[in-house]
Amino acid sequence: MLGDGNQAMSTIPGFNQIQFEGFCRFIDHGLTEELYKF
């Protein structure tokens, strides 16, 4: 699965960059929310 993802990354770097940044923000937001719950 990771191999396929890497291939997709190299085919469309611009789109993946935006998606990756959004994914990182989503992870960070989720983590901070989880921390605040405690």
N, C-alpha and C. Protein backbone atom coordinates (compact mmCIF):
# COMPACT_ATOMS: atom_id res chain seq x y z
N MET A 1 0.84 -1.20 0.00
CA MET A 1 0.00 0.00 0.00
C MET A 1 0.87 1.25 0.00
N LEU A 2 1.94 1.23 0.80
CA LEU A 2 2.83 2.39 0.85
C LEU A 2 3.51 2.59 -0.50
N GLY A 3 3.87 1.49 -1.15
CA GLY A 3 4.53 1.59 -2.45
C GLY A 3 3.62 2.28 -3.46
N ASP A 4 2.34 1.90 -3.48
CA ASP A 4 1.39 2.53 -4.41
C ASP A 4 1.26 4.02 -4.10
N GLY A 5 1.21 4.35 -2.83
CA GLY A 5 1.10 5.76 -2.44
C GLY A 5 2.29 6.56 -2.92
N ASN A 6 3.49 5.97 -2.79
CA ASN A 6 4.69 6.68 -3.24
C ASN A 6 4.65 6.89 -4.74
N GLN A 7 4.16 5.92 -5.48
CA GLN A 7 4.07 6.07 -6.94
C GLN A 7 3.10 7.20 -7.28
N ALA A 8 1.99 7.27 -6.59
CA ALA A 8 1.02 8.34 -6.84
C ALA A 8 1.64 9.69 -6.51
N MET A 9 2.47 9.71 -5.47
CA MET A 9 3.12 10.96 -5.07
C MET A 9 3.99 11.49 -6.20
N SER A 10 4.78 10.61 -6.81
CA SER A 10 5.71 11.06 -7.85
C SER A 10 4.96 11.46 -9.13
N THR A 11 3.78 10.90 -9.36
CA THR A 11 3.05 11.23 -10.59
C THR A 11 2.44 12.62 -10.50
N ILE A 12 1.87 12.97 -9.35
CA ILE A 12 1.27 14.30 -9.19
C ILE A 12 1.82 14.97 -7.94
N PRO A 13 3.02 15.53 -7.99
CA PRO A 13 3.65 16.12 -6.81
C PRO A 13 2.91 17.34 -6.29
N GLY A 14 2.42 18.19 -7.19
CA GLY A 14 1.74 19.41 -6.75
C GLY A 14 0.48 19.10 -5.96
N PHE A 15 -0.36 18.24 -6.53
CA PHE A 15 -1.62 17.88 -5.87
C PHE A 15 -1.33 17.18 -4.55
N ASN A 16 -0.34 16.28 -4.57
CA ASN A 16 -0.03 15.53 -3.34
C ASN A 16 0.50 16.46 -2.27
N GLN A 17 1.27 17.47 -2.66
CA GLN A 17 1.80 18.43 -1.68
C GLN A 17 0.66 19.10 -0.93
N ILE A 18 -0.34 19.55 -1.67
CA ILE A 18 -1.50 20.21 -1.04
C ILE A 18 -2.23 19.21 -0.15
N GLN A 19 -2.44 18.00 -0.66
CA GLN A 19 -3.14 16.98 0.11
C GLN A 19 -2.36 16.64 1.37
N PHE A 20 -1.03 16.54 1.24
CA PHE A 20 -0.19 16.19 2.38
C PHE A 20 -0.26 17.27 3.45
N GLU A 21 -0.22 18.54 3.04
CA GLU A 21 -0.31 19.64 4.01
C GLU A 21 -1.65 19.60 4.72
N GLY A 22 -2.71 19.38 3.96
CA GLY A 22 -4.04 19.31 4.57
C GLY A 22 -4.14 18.13 5.54
N PHE A 23 -3.52 17.02 5.15
CA PHE A 23 -3.53 15.84 6.02
C PHE A 23 -2.78 16.12 7.31
N CYS A 24 -1.64 16.80 7.21
CA CYS A 24 -0.86 17.15 8.41
C CYS A 24 -1.67 18.06 9.32
N ARG A 25 -2.34 19.04 8.74
CA ARG A 25 -3.16 19.95 9.55
C ARG A 25 -4.28 19.18 10.23
N PHE A 26 -4.89 18.25 9.49
CA PHE A 26 -5.97 17.44 10.05
C PHE A 26 -5.45 16.61 11.23
N ILE A 27 -4.26 16.01 11.07
CA ILE A 27 -3.67 15.22 12.15
C ILE A 27 -3.38 16.11 13.35
N ASP A 28 -2.74 17.25 13.11
CA ASP A 28 -2.40 18.17 14.21
C ASP A 28 -3.67 18.62 14.92
N HIS A 29 -4.70 18.97 14.18
CA HIS A 29 -5.96 19.43 14.77
C HIS A 29 -6.58 18.32 15.61
N GLY A 30 -6.58 17.10 15.07
CA GLY A 30 -7.15 15.96 15.79
C GLY A 30 -6.37 15.68 17.07
N LEU A 31 -5.04 15.76 16.99
CA LEU A 31 -4.22 15.48 18.17
C LEU A 31 -4.46 16.52 19.25
N THR A 32 -4.52 17.79 18.86
CA THR A 32 -4.73 18.84 19.87
C THR A 32 -6.10 18.68 20.51
N GLU A 33 -7.10 18.33 19.71
CA GLU A 33 -8.45 18.12 20.26
C GLU A 33 -8.44 16.98 21.25
N GLU A 34 -7.74 15.89 20.91
CA GLU A 34 -7.67 14.74 21.81
C GLU A 34 -6.99 15.13 23.11
N LEU A 35 -5.93 15.94 23.01
CA LEU A 35 -5.21 16.36 24.22
C LEU A 35 -6.10 17.23 25.09
N TYR A 36 -6.88 18.11 24.47
CA TYR A 36 -7.74 19.00 25.25
C TYR A 36 -8.87 18.23 25.93
N LYS A 37 -9.25 17.09 25.35
CA LYS A 37 -10.31 16.28 25.97
C LYS A 37 -9.86 15.80 27.35
N PHE A 38 -8.59 15.48 27.46
CA PHE A 38 -8.07 15.03 28.76
C PHE A 38 -7.89 16.23 29.66
